[in-house]
Amino acid sequence: MELLWSDRQDEYFGVDMGIYHTTGASPRVPVVPDAFLSLGGLRRKAGNQSRKSYVVWEENGIVPTLTLEIVPWTPGGEYDDKLMIYQQLGVRYYGVSNPEYGQLDRIAII
């Protein structure tokens, strides 16, 4: 992302990072995608600080545009539970990669 959008400062790409939000059962329980892309916010927080987690209410309500999941050998809700969470959160694109198939298994516009 850094090279592709080096002039752009309104994107953030996170990996294995909790997304805290208020659309779930508790804002203290994050959803954790394998990767996500958020557009419209700042790449770095105030004071040039990096993020340890992505907290939607600290990001002016900006939710990720894209989330990606890599299914472990035993699926853990990537096809249903996480899809529902991302829909409620307002994520637009959701990709699932399953190593059993050796390719991107599913992309959903939600």
PDB file of N, CA and C in Angstrom:
ATOM      1  N   MET A   1       0.816  -1.186   0.000  1.00  0.00           N
ATOM      2  CA  MET A   1       0.000   0.000   0.000  1.00  0.00           C
ATOM      3  C   MET A   1       0.863   1.254   0.000  1.00  0.00           C
ATOM      4  N   GLU A   2       1.951   1.205   0.728  1.00  0.00           N
ATOM      5  CA  GLU A   2       2.780   2.401   0.857  1.00  0.00           C
ATOM      6  C   GLU A   2       3.254   2.898  -0.502  1.00  0.00           C
ATOM      7  N   LEU A   3       3.713   2.001  -1.366  1.00  0.00           N
ATOM      8  CA  LEU A   3       4.210   2.430  -2.674  1.00  0.00           C
ATOM      9  C   LEU A   3       3.071   2.778  -3.626  1.00  0.00           C
ATOM     10  N   LEU A   4       2.032   1.991  -3.601  1.00  0.00           N
ATOM     11  CA  LEU A   4       0.917   2.196  -4.508  1.00  0.00           C
ATOM     12  C   LEU A   4       0.231   3.530  -4.264  1.00  0.00           C
ATOM     13  N   TRP A   5       0.028   3.869  -3.009  1.00  0.00           N
ATOM     14  CA  TRP A   5      -0.675   5.103  -2.655  1.00  0.00           C
ATOM     15  C   TRP A   5       0.220   6.012  -1.838  1.00  0.00           C
ATOM     16  N   SER A   6       1.464   6.195  -2.254  1.00  0.00           N
ATOM     17  CA  SER A   6       2.405   6.973  -1.450  1.00  0.00           C
ATOM     18  C   SER A   6       1.971   8.425  -1.257  1.00  0.00           C
ATOM     19  N   ASP A   7       1.231   8.987  -2.213  1.00  0.00           N
ATOM     20  CA  ASP A   7       0.764  10.369  -2.076  1.00  0.00           C
ATOM     21  C   ASP A   7      -0.539  10.455  -1.295  1.00  0.00           C
ATOM     22  N   ARG A   8      -1.170   9.356  -1.099  1.00  0.00           N
ATOM     23  CA  ARG A   8      -2.483   9.343  -0.458  1.00  0.00           C
ATOM     24  C   ARG A   8      -2.324   9.107   1.039  1.00  0.00           C
ATOM     25  N   GLN A   9      -2.977   9.914   1.856  1.00  0.00           N
ATOM     26  CA  GLN A   9      -2.882   9.782   3.301  1.00  0.00           C
ATOM     27  C   GLN A   9      -4.221   9.419   3.945  1.00  0.00           C
ATOM     28  N   ASP A  10      -5.228   9.127   3.130  1.00  0.00           N
ATOM     29  CA  ASP A  10      -6.564   8.845   3.676  1.00  0.00           C
ATOM     30  C   ASP A  10      -6.934   7.375   3.571  1.00  0.00           C
ATOM     31  N   GLU A  11      -5.956   6.500   3.747  1.00  0.00           N
ATOM     32  CA  GLU A  11      -6.203   5.069   3.742  1.00  0.00           C
ATOM     33  C   GLU A  11      -5.438   4.416   4.871  1.00  0.00           C
ATOM     34  N   TYR A  12      -5.960   3.286   5.345  1.00  0.00           N
ATOM     35  CA  TYR A  12      -5.267   2.514   6.360  1.00  0.00           C
ATOM     36  C   TYR A  12      -5.484   1.038   6.063  1.00  0.00           C
ATOM     37  N   PHE A  13      -4.409   0.266   6.036  1.00  0.00           N
ATOM     38  CA  PHE A  13      -4.473  -1.172   5.805  1.00  0.00           C
ATOM     39  C   PHE A  13      -3.993  -1.861   7.067  1.00  0.00           C
ATOM     40  N   GLY A  14      -4.858  -2.657   7.690  1.00  0.00           N
ATOM     41  CA  GLY A  14      -4.514  -3.356   8.919  1.00  0.00           C
ATOM     42  C   GLY A  14      -4.486  -4.855   8.722  1.00  0.00           C
ATOM     43  N   VAL A  15      -3.655  -5.538   9.508  1.00  0.00           N
ATOM     44  CA  VAL A  15      -3.515  -6.991   9.443  1.00  0.00           C
ATOM     45  C   VAL A  15      -3.631  -7.565  10.849  1.00  0.00           C
ATOM     46  N   ASP A  16      -4.496  -8.579  11.011  1.00  0.00           N
ATOM     47  CA  ASP A  16      -4.691  -9.255  12.307  1.00  0.00           C
ATOM     48  C   ASP A  16      -4.887  -8.249  13.439  1.00  0.00           C
ATOM     49  N   MET A  17      -5.753  -7.297  13.213  1.00  0.00           N
ATOM     50  CA  MET A  17      -5.994  -6.222  14.166  1.00  0.00           C
ATOM     51  C   MET A  17      -7.474  -6.194  14.531  1.00  0.00           C
ATOM     52  N   GLY A  18      -7.755  -6.040  15.803  1.00  0.00           N
ATOM     53  CA  GLY A  18      -9.141  -5.962  16.242  1.00  0.00           C
ATOM     54  C   GLY A  18      -9.811  -4.685  15.785  1.00  0.00           C
ATOM     55  N   ILE A  19     -11.049  -4.821  15.315  1.00  0.00           N
ATOM     56  CA  ILE A  19     -11.876  -3.668  14.963  1.00  0.00           C
ATOM     57  C   ILE A  19     -12.943  -3.558  16.040  1.00  0.00           C
ATOM     58  N   TYR A  20     -12.850  -2.512  16.838  1.00  0.00           N
ATOM     59  CA  TYR A  20     -13.831  -2.275  17.895  1.00  0.00           C
ATOM     60  C   TYR A  20     -14.946  -1.417  17.318  1.00  0.00           C
ATOM     61  N   HIS A  21     -16.188  -1.830  17.585  1.00  0.00           N
ATOM     62  CA  HIS A  21     -17.347  -1.153  17.005  1.00  0.00           C
ATOM     63  C   HIS A  21     -18.524  -1.275  17.954  1.00  0.00           C
ATOM     64  N   THR A  22     -19.553  -0.514  17.701  1.00  0.00           N
ATOM     65  CA  THR A  22     -20.721  -0.517  18.595  1.00  0.00           C
ATOM     66  C   THR A  22     -21.914  -1.258  17.999  1.00  0.00           C
ATOM     67  N   THR A  23     -21.731  -1.952  16.883  1.00  0.00           N
ATOM     68  CA  THR A  23     -22.860  -2.654  16.268  1.00  0.00           C
ATOM     69  C   THR A  23     -23.003  -4.085  16.773  1.00  0.00           C
ATOM     70  N   GLY A  24     -22.052  -4.559  17.564  1.00  0.00           N
ATOM     71  CA  GLY A  24     -22.106  -5.926  18.066  1.00  0.00           C
ATOM     72  C   GLY A  24     -22.727  -6.008  19.447  1.00  0.00           C
ATOM     73  N   ALA A  25     -22.559  -7.154  20.094  1.00  0.00           N
ATOM     74  CA  ALA A  25     -23.119  -7.374  21.426  1.00  0.00           C
ATOM     75  C   ALA A  25     -22.471  -6.461  22.462  1.00  0.00           C
ATOM     76  N   SER A  26     -21.173  -6.180  22.286  1.00  0.00           N
ATOM     77  CA  SER A  26     -20.451  -5.317  23.220  1.00  0.00           C
ATOM     78  C   SER A  26     -19.325  -4.606  22.469  1.00  0.00           C
ATOM     79  N   PRO A  27     -19.140  -3.304  22.706  1.00  0.00           N
ATOM     80  CA  PRO A  27     -18.027  -2.605  22.053  1.00  0.00           C
ATOM     81  C   PRO A  27     -16.667  -3.057  22.578  1.00  0.00           C
ATOM     82  N   ARG A  28     -16.656  -3.863  23.636  1.00  0.00           N
ATOM     83  CA  ARG A  28     -15.399  -4.382  24.172  1.00  0.00           C
ATOM     84  C   ARG A  28     -14.951  -5.654  23.464  1.00  0.00           C
ATOM     85  N   VAL A  29     -15.801  -6.192  22.605  1.00  0.00           N
ATOM     86  CA  VAL A  29     -15.469  -7.425  21.873  1.00  0.00           C
ATOM     87  C   VAL A  29     -15.263  -7.058  20.406  1.00  0.00           C
ATOM     88  N   PRO A  30     -14.011  -7.105  19.943  1.00  0.00           N
ATOM     89  CA  PRO A  30     -13.755  -6.730  18.559  1.00  0.00           C
ATOM     90  C   PRO A  30     -14.014  -7.885  17.594  1.00  0.00           C
ATOM     91  N   VAL A  31     -14.131  -7.540  16.335  1.00  0.00           N
ATOM     92  CA  VAL A  31     -14.079  -8.534  15.274  1.00  0.00           C
ATOM     93  C   VAL A  31     -12.663  -8.414  14.710  1.00  0.00           C
ATOM     94  N   VAL A  32     -12.052  -9.545  14.375  1.00  0.00           N
ATOM     95  CA  VAL A  32     -10.652  -9.516  13.950  1.00  0.00           C
ATOM     96  C   VAL A  32     -10.511 -10.177  12.581  1.00  0.00           C
ATOM     97  N   PRO A  33     -10.507  -9.371  11.509  1.00  0.00           N
ATOM     98  CA  PRO A  33     -10.266  -9.942  10.187  1.00  0.00           C
ATOM     99  C   PRO A  33      -8.773 -10.208  10.002  1.00  0.00           C
ATOM    100  N   ASP A  34      -8.446 -11.010   9.014  1.00  0.00           N
ATOM    101  CA  ASP A  34      -7.033 -11.241   8.720  1.00  0.00           C
ATOM    102  C   ASP A  34      -6.406  -9.988   8.114  1.00  0.00           C
ATOM    103  N   ALA A  35      -7.201  -9.221   7.379  1.00  0.00           N
ATOM    104  CA  ALA A  35      -6.726  -7.948   6.828  1.00  0.00           C
ATOM    105  C   ALA A  35      -7.934  -7.074   6.517  1.00  0.00           C
ATOM    106  N   PHE A  36      -7.726  -5.767   6.519  1.00  0.00           N
ATOM    107  CA  PHE A  36      -8.797  -4.849   6.154  1.00  0.00           C
ATOM    108  C   PHE A  36      -8.220  -3.559   5.590  1.00  0.00           C
ATOM    109  N   LEU A  37      -9.039  -2.888   4.801  1.00  0.00           N
ATOM    110  CA  LEU A  37      -8.675  -1.608   4.206  1.00  0.00           C
ATOM    111  C   LEU A  37      -9.744  -0.596   4.570  1.00  0.00           C
ATOM    112  N   SER A  38      -9.303   0.521   5.116  1.00  0.00           N
ATOM    113  CA  SER A  38     -10.204   1.609   5.468  1.00  0.00           C
ATOM    114  C   SER A  38      -9.843   2.819   4.624  1.00  0.00           C
ATOM    115  N   LEU A  39     -10.844   3.426   4.012  1.00  0.00           N
ATOM    116  CA  LEU A  39     -10.626   4.603   3.177  1.00  0.00           C
ATOM    117  C   LEU A  39     -11.351   5.803   3.779  1.00  0.00           C
ATOM    118  N   GLY A  40     -10.731   6.954   3.714  1.00  0.00           N
ATOM    119  CA  GLY A  40     -11.367   8.175   4.182  1.00  0.00           C
ATOM    120  C   GLY A  40     -10.843   8.671   5.513  1.00  0.00           C
ATOM    121  N   GLY A  41     -10.111   7.856   6.228  1.00  0.00           N
ATOM    122  CA  GLY A  41      -9.511   8.276   7.492  1.00  0.00           C
ATOM    123  C   GLY A  41      -8.034   8.546   7.287  1.00  0.00           C
ATOM    124  N   LEU A  42      -7.333   8.728   8.354  1.00  0.00           N
ATOM    125  CA  LEU A  42      -5.905   9.006   8.266  1.00  0.00           C
ATOM    126  C   LEU A  42      -5.080   7.730   8.334  1.00  0.00           C
ATOM    127  N   ARG A  43      -3.991   7.719   7.580  1.00  0.00           N
ATOM    128  CA  ARG A  43      -3.092   6.566   7.596  1.00  0.00           C
ATOM    129  C   ARG A  43      -2.470   6.390   8.985  1.00  0.00           C
ATOM    130  N   ARG A  44      -2.119   7.493   9.603  1.00  0.00           N
ATOM    131  CA  ARG A  44      -1.554   7.449  10.951  1.00  0.00           C
ATOM    132  C   ARG A  44      -2.380   8.345  11.858  1.00  0.00           C
ATOM    133  N   LYS A  45      -2.426   8.009  13.120  1.00  0.00           N
ATOM    134  CA  LYS A  45      -3.194   8.788  14.091  1.00  0.00           C
ATOM    135  C   LYS A  45      -2.478  10.111  14.387  1.00  0.00           C
ATOM    136  N   ALA A  46      -3.150  10.961  15.122  1.00  0.00           N
ATOM    137  CA  ALA A  46      -2.574  12.246  15.505  1.00  0.00           C
ATOM    138  C   ALA A  46      -1.223  12.024  16.187  1.00  0.00           C
ATOM    139  N   GLY A  47      -0.306  12.909  15.929  1.00  0.00           N
ATOM    140  CA  GLY A  47       1.034  12.761  16.492  1.00  0.00           C
ATOM    141  C   GLY A  47       1.850  11.698  15.796  1.00  0.00           C
ATOM    142  N   ASN A  48       1.410  11.283  14.585  1.00  0.00           N
ATOM    143  CA  ASN A  48       2.101  10.273  13.774  1.00  0.00           C
ATOM    144  C   ASN A  48       2.185   8.915  14.470  1.00  0.00           C
ATOM    145  N   GLN A  49       1.216   8.625  15.335  1.00  0.00           N
ATOM    146  CA  GLN A  49       1.199   7.364  16.061  1.00  0.00           C
ATOM    147  C   GLN A  49       0.573   6.250  15.218  1.00  0.00           C
ATOM    148  N   SER A  50       1.074   5.039  15.419  1.00  0.00           N
ATOM    149  CA  SER A  50       0.471   3.886  14.758  1.00  0.00           C
ATOM    150  C   SER A  50      -0.675   3.361  15.622  1.00  0.00           C
ATOM    151  N   ARG A  51      -1.413   2.402  15.108  1.00  0.00           N
ATOM    152  CA  ARG A  51      -2.559   1.833  15.819  1.00  0.00           C
ATOM    153  C   ARG A  51      -2.238   0.430  16.327  1.00  0.00           C
ATOM    154  N   LYS A  52      -2.745   0.116  17.506  1.00  0.00           N
ATOM    155  CA  LYS A  52      -2.676  -1.255  18.016  1.00  0.00           C
ATOM    156  C   LYS A  52      -3.988  -1.966  17.734  1.00  0.00           C
ATOM    157  N   SER A  53      -5.035  -1.182  17.521  1.00  0.00           N
ATOM    158  CA  SER A  53      -6.346  -1.687  17.152  1.00  0.00           C
ATOM    159  C   SER A  53      -7.047  -0.581  16.373  1.00  0.00           C
ATOM    160  N   TYR A  54      -8.150  -0.931  15.727  1.00  0.00           N
ATOM    161  CA  TYR A  54      -8.916   0.039  14.948  1.00  0.00           C
ATOM    162  C   TYR A  54     -10.230   0.254  15.687  1.00  0.00           C
ATOM    163  N   VAL A  55     -10.408   1.442  16.222  1.00  0.00           N
ATOM    164  CA  VAL A  55     -11.575   1.761  17.036  1.00  0.00           C
ATOM    165  C   VAL A  55     -12.460   2.712  16.232  1.00  0.00           C
ATOM    166  N   VAL A  56     -13.585   2.209  15.755  1.00  0.00           N
ATOM    167  CA  VAL A  56     -14.428   2.958  14.820  1.00  0.00           C
ATOM    168  C   VAL A  56     -14.803   4.326  15.361  1.00  0.00           C
ATOM    169  N   TRP A  57     -15.176   4.423  16.639  1.00  0.00           N
ATOM    170  CA  TRP A  57     -15.602   5.724  17.165  1.00  0.00           C
ATOM    171  C   TRP A  57     -14.436   6.701  17.313  1.00  0.00           C
ATOM    172  N   GLU A  58     -13.193   6.212  17.304  1.00  0.00           N
ATOM    173  CA  GLU A  58     -12.032   7.107  17.304  1.00  0.00           C
ATOM    174  C   GLU A  58     -11.612   7.474  15.884  1.00  0.00           C
ATOM    175  N   GLU A  59     -12.213   6.822  14.901  1.00  0.00           N
ATOM    176  CA  GLU A  59     -11.899   7.057  13.485  1.00  0.00           C
ATOM    177  C   GLU A  59     -13.021   7.840  12.812  1.00  0.00           C
ATOM    178  N   ASN A  60     -13.740   8.650  13.585  1.00  0.00           N
ATOM    179  CA  ASN A  60     -14.862   9.450  13.067  1.00  0.00           C
ATOM    180  C   ASN A  60     -15.942   8.588  12.425  1.00  0.00           C
ATOM    181  N   GLY A  61     -16.127   7.384  12.942  1.00  0.00           N
ATOM    182  CA  GLY A  61     -17.169   6.497  12.441  1.00  0.00           C
ATOM    183  C   GLY A  61     -16.853   5.817  11.124  1.00  0.00           C
ATOM    184  N   ILE A  62     -15.628   5.944  10.648  1.00  0.00           N
ATOM    185  CA  ILE A  62     -15.248   5.332   9.365  1.00  0.00           C
ATOM    186  C   ILE A  62     -14.977   3.849   9.582  1.00  0.00           C
ATOM    187  N   VAL A  63     -15.760   3.027   8.907  1.00  0.00           N
ATOM    188  CA  VAL A  63     -15.583   1.575   8.998  1.00  0.00           C
ATOM    189  C   VAL A  63     -14.742   1.105   7.810  1.00  0.00           C
ATOM    190  N   PRO A  64     -14.108  -0.050   7.924  1.00  0.00           N
ATOM    191  CA  PRO A  64     -13.349  -0.559   6.790  1.00  0.00           C
ATOM    192  C   PRO A  64     -14.232  -0.722   5.547  1.00  0.00           C
ATOM    193  N   THR A  65     -13.650  -0.481   4.403  1.00  0.00           N
ATOM    194  CA  THR A  65     -14.326  -0.658   3.122  1.00  0.00           C
ATOM    195  C   THR A  65     -14.248  -2.118   2.692  1.00  0.00           C
ATOM    196  N   LEU A  66     -13.122  -2.756   2.995  1.00  0.00           N
ATOM    197  CA  LEU A  66     -12.849  -4.123   2.569  1.00  0.00           C
ATOM    198  C   LEU A  66     -12.303  -4.916   3.748  1.00  0.00           C
ATOM    199  N   THR A  67     -12.795  -6.128   3.948  1.00  0.00           N
ATOM    200  CA  THR A  67     -12.206  -7.049   4.924  1.00  0.00           C
ATOM    201  C   THR A  67     -11.882  -8.355   4.212  1.00  0.00           C
ATOM    202  N   LEU A  68     -10.802  -8.983   4.641  1.00  0.00           N
ATOM    203  CA  LEU A  68     -10.366 -10.252   4.066  1.00  0.00           C
ATOM    204  C   LEU A  68     -10.192 -11.273   5.170  1.00  0.00           C
ATOM    205  N   GLU A  69     -10.644 -12.479   4.905  1.00  0.00           N
ATOM    206  CA  GLU A  69     -10.489 -13.593   5.840  1.00  0.00           C
ATOM    207  C   GLU A  69      -9.806 -14.756   5.125  1.00  0.00           C
ATOM    208  N   ILE A  70      -8.885 -15.395   5.814  1.00  0.00           N
ATOM    209  CA  ILE A  70      -8.272 -16.619   5.321  1.00  0.00           C
ATOM    210  C   ILE A  70      -8.791 -17.728   6.222  1.00  0.00           C
ATOM    211  N   VAL A  71      -9.490 -18.666   5.639  1.00  0.00           N
ATOM    212  CA  VAL A  71     -10.138 -19.727   6.404  1.00  0.00           C
ATOM    213  C   VAL A  71      -9.082 -20.724   6.874  1.00  0.00           C
ATOM    214  N   PRO A  72      -9.038 -20.989   8.188  1.00  0.00           N
ATOM    215  CA  PRO A  72      -8.139 -22.049   8.648  1.00  0.00           C
ATOM    216  C   PRO A  72      -8.676 -23.400   8.194  1.00  0.00           C
ATOM    217  N   TRP A  73      -7.949 -24.456   8.492  1.00  0.00           N
ATOM    218  CA  TRP A  73      -8.378 -25.779   8.034  1.00  0.00           C
ATOM    219  C   TRP A  73      -9.760 -26.129   8.560  1.00  0.00           C
ATOM    220  N   THR A  74     -10.102 -25.605   9.709  1.00  0.00           N
ATOM    221  CA  THR A  74     -11.451 -25.773  10.238  1.00  0.00           C
ATOM    222  C   THR A  74     -12.110 -24.397  10.234  1.00  0.00           C
ATOM    223  N   PRO A  75     -13.107 -24.180   9.386  1.00  0.00           N
ATOM    224  CA  PRO A  75     -13.746 -22.861   9.327  1.00  0.00           C
ATOM    225  C   PRO A  75     -14.270 -22.421  10.696  1.00  0.00           C
ATOM    226  N   GLY A  76     -14.163 -21.122  10.949  1.00  0.00           N
ATOM    227  CA  GLY A  76     -14.574 -20.570  12.235  1.00  0.00           C
ATOM    228  C   GLY A  76     -15.567 -19.438  12.093  1.00  0.00           C
ATOM    229  N   GLY A  77     -16.559 -19.621  11.256  1.00  0.00           N
ATOM    230  CA  GLY A  77     -17.598 -18.604  11.123  1.00  0.00           C
ATOM    231  C   GLY A  77     -17.365 -17.599  10.012  1.00  0.00           C
ATOM    232  N   GLU A  78     -16.340 -17.823   9.191  1.00  0.00           N
ATOM    233  CA  GLU A  78     -16.040 -16.864   8.120  1.00  0.00           C
ATOM    234  C   GLU A  78     -17.149 -16.766   7.087  1.00  0.00           C
ATOM    235  N   TYR A  79     -17.896 -17.842   6.891  1.00  0.00           N
ATOM    236  CA  TYR A  79     -18.931 -17.857   5.860  1.00  0.00           C
ATOM    237  C   TYR A  79     -20.289 -17.366   6.354  1.00  0.00           C
ATOM    238  N   ASP A  80     -20.466 -17.261   7.665  1.00  0.00           N
ATOM    239  CA  ASP A  80     -21.775 -16.824   8.156  1.00  0.00           C
ATOM    240  C   ASP A  80     -21.663 -15.799   9.282  1.00  0.00           C
ATOM    241  N   ASP A  81     -21.085 -16.159  10.419  1.00  0.00           N
ATOM    242  CA  ASP A  81     -21.041 -15.249  11.567  1.00  0.00           C
ATOM    243  C   ASP A  81     -20.294 -13.954  11.263  1.00  0.00           C
ATOM    244  N   LYS A  82     -19.096 -14.081  10.722  1.00  0.00           N
ATOM    245  CA  LYS A  82     -18.315 -12.876  10.437  1.00  0.00           C
ATOM    246  C   LYS A  82     -18.955 -12.066   9.315  1.00  0.00           C
ATOM    247  N   LEU A  83     -19.521 -12.735   8.337  1.00  0.00           N
ATOM    248  CA  LEU A  83     -20.218 -12.025   7.264  1.00  0.00           C
ATOM    249  C   LEU A  83     -21.331 -11.155   7.851  1.00  0.00           C
ATOM    250  N   MET A  84     -22.095 -11.703   8.797  1.00  0.00           N
ATOM    251  CA  MET A  84     -23.180 -10.944   9.411  1.00  0.00           C
ATOM    252  C   MET A  84     -22.638  -9.744  10.209  1.00  0.00           C
ATOM    253  N   ILE A  85     -21.541  -9.945  10.928  1.00  0.00           N
ATOM    254  CA  ILE A  85     -20.940  -8.849  11.689  1.00  0.00           C
ATOM    255  C   ILE A  85     -20.502  -7.732  10.743  1.00  0.00           C
ATOM    256  N   TYR A  86     -19.845  -8.103   9.653  1.00  0.00           N
ATOM    257  CA  TYR A  86     -19.376  -7.085   8.704  1.00  0.00           C
ATOM    258  C   TYR A  86     -20.545  -6.369   8.031  1.00  0.00           C
ATOM    259  N   GLN A  87     -21.623  -7.087   7.770  1.00  0.00           N
ATOM    260  CA  GLN A  87     -22.816  -6.438   7.208  1.00  0.00           C
ATOM    261  C   GLN A  87     -23.367  -5.410   8.184  1.00  0.00           C
ATOM    262  N   GLN A  88     -23.498  -5.776   9.447  1.00  0.00           N
ATOM    263  CA  GLN A  88     -24.018  -4.852  10.458  1.00  0.00           C
ATOM    264  C   GLN A  88     -23.089  -3.658  10.648  1.00  0.00           C
ATOM    265  N   LEU A  89     -21.804  -3.890  10.519  1.00  0.00           N
ATOM    266  CA  LEU A  89     -20.816  -2.830  10.681  1.00  0.00           C
ATOM    267  C   LEU A  89     -20.848  -1.843   9.522  1.00  0.00           C
ATOM    268  N   GLY A  90     -21.217  -2.319   8.338  1.00  0.00           N
ATOM    269  CA  GLY A  90     -21.275  -1.450   7.167  1.00  0.00           C
ATOM    270  C   GLY A  90     -20.122  -1.625   6.197  1.00  0.00           C
ATOM    271  N   VAL A  91     -19.399  -2.746   6.326  1.00  0.00           N
ATOM    272  CA  VAL A  91     -18.312  -3.058   5.395  1.00  0.00           C
ATOM    273  C   VAL A  91     -18.917  -3.314   4.022  1.00  0.00           C
ATOM    274  N   ARG A  92     -18.294  -2.788   2.972  1.00  0.00           N
ATOM    275  CA  ARG A  92     -18.861  -2.943   1.623  1.00  0.00           C
ATOM    276  C   ARG A  92     -18.406  -4.207   0.904  1.00  0.00           C
ATOM    277  N   TYR A  93     -17.143  -4.601   1.083  1.00  0.00           N
ATOM    278  CA  TYR A  93     -16.599  -5.746   0.349  1.00  0.00           C
ATOM    279  C   TYR A  93     -15.965  -6.720   1.339  1.00  0.00           C
ATOM    280  N   TYR A  94     -16.238  -8.010   1.122  1.00  0.00           N
ATOM    281  CA  TYR A  94     -15.759  -9.057   2.016  1.00  0.00           C
ATOM    282  C   TYR A  94     -15.191 -10.188   1.172  1.00  0.00           C
ATOM    283  N   GLY A  95     -13.929 -10.517   1.385  1.00  0.00           N
ATOM    284  CA  GLY A  95     -13.282 -11.593   0.640  1.00  0.00           C
ATOM    285  C   GLY A  95     -12.892 -12.729   1.566  1.00  0.00           C
ATOM    286  N   VAL A  96     -13.097 -13.963   1.092  1.00  0.00           N
ATOM    287  CA  VAL A  96     -12.738 -15.149   1.860  1.00  0.00           C
ATOM    288  C   VAL A  96     -11.808 -15.998   0.998  1.00  0.00           C
ATOM    289  N   SER A  97     -10.661 -16.326   1.548  1.00  0.00           N
ATOM    290  CA  SER A  97      -9.731 -17.210   0.872  1.00  0.00           C
ATOM    291  C   SER A  97      -9.654 -18.505   1.660  1.00  0.00           C
ATOM    292  N   ASN A  98      -9.786 -19.609   0.962  1.00  0.00           N
ATOM    293  CA  ASN A  98      -9.755 -20.909   1.602  1.00  0.00           C
ATOM    294  C   ASN A  98      -8.589 -21.700   1.022  1.00  0.00           C
ATOM    295  N   PRO A  99      -7.559 -22.023   1.832  1.00  0.00           N
ATOM    296  CA  PRO A  99      -6.388 -22.729   1.297  1.00  0.00           C
ATOM    297  C   PRO A  99      -6.726 -24.101   0.739  1.00  0.00           C
ATOM    298  N   GLU A 100      -7.856 -24.672   1.148  1.00  0.00           N
ATOM    299  CA  GLU A 100      -8.259 -25.966   0.615  1.00  0.00           C
ATOM    300  C   GLU A 100      -8.533 -25.865  -0.887  1.00  0.00           C
ATOM    301  N   TYR A 101      -9.022 -24.690  -1.317  1.00  0.00           N
ATOM    302  CA  TYR A 101      -9.294 -24.476  -2.724  1.00  0.00           C
ATOM    303  C   TYR A 101      -8.110 -23.843  -3.447  1.00  0.00           C
ATOM    304  N   GLY A 102      -7.150 -23.298  -2.694  1.00  0.00           N
ATOM    305  CA  GLY A 102      -5.964 -22.707  -3.293  1.00  0.00           C
ATOM    306  C   GLY A 102      -6.226 -21.409  -4.031  1.00  0.00           C
ATOM    307  N   GLN A 103      -7.314 -20.739  -3.728  1.00  0.00           N
ATOM    308  CA  GLN A 103      -7.659 -19.498  -4.414  1.00  0.00           C
ATOM    309  C   GLN A 103      -8.618 -18.689  -3.567  1.00  0.00           C
ATOM    310  N   LEU A 104      -8.922 -17.493  -4.043  1.00  0.00           N
ATOM    311  CA  LEU A 104      -9.931 -16.693  -3.370  1.00  0.00           C
ATOM    312  C   LEU A 104     -11.256 -17.401  -3.546  1.00  0.00           C
ATOM    313  N   ASP A 105     -11.861 -17.763  -2.457  1.00  0.00           N
ATOM    314  CA  ASP A 105     -13.063 -18.586  -2.459  1.00  0.00           C
ATOM    315  C   ASP A 105     -14.304 -17.768  -2.757  1.00  0.00           C
ATOM    316  N   ARG A 106     -14.383 -16.575  -2.195  1.00  0.00           N
ATOM    317  CA  ARG A 106     -15.618 -15.812  -2.320  1.00  0.00           C
ATOM    318  C   ARG A 106     -15.332 -14.339  -2.090  1.00  0.00           C
ATOM    319  N   ILE A 107     -15.934 -13.505  -2.884  1.00  0.00           N
ATOM    320  CA  ILE A 107     -15.951 -12.067  -2.644  1.00  0.00           C
ATOM    321  C   ILE A 107     -17.397 -11.658  -2.639  1.00  0.00           C
ATOM    322  N   ALA A 108     -17.780 -10.960  -1.609  1.00  0.00           N
ATOM    323  CA  ALA A 108     -19.176 -10.511  -1.513  1.00  0.00           C
ATOM    324  C   ALA A 108     -19.208  -9.001  -1.436  1.00  0.00           C
ATOM    325  N   ILE A 109     -20.144  -8.424  -2.143  1.00  0.00           N
ATOM    326  CA  ILE A 109     -20.443  -7.005  -1.980  1.00  0.00           C
ATOM    327  C   ILE A 109     -21.616  -6.981  -1.029  1.00  0.00           C
ATOM    328  N   ILE A 110     -21.381  -6.435   0.170  1.00  0.00           N
ATOM    329  CA  ILE A 110     -22.412  -6.519   1.214  1.00  0.00           C
ATOM    330  C   ILE A 110     -22.977  -5.177   1.584  1.00  0.00           C
TER     331      ILE A 110
END
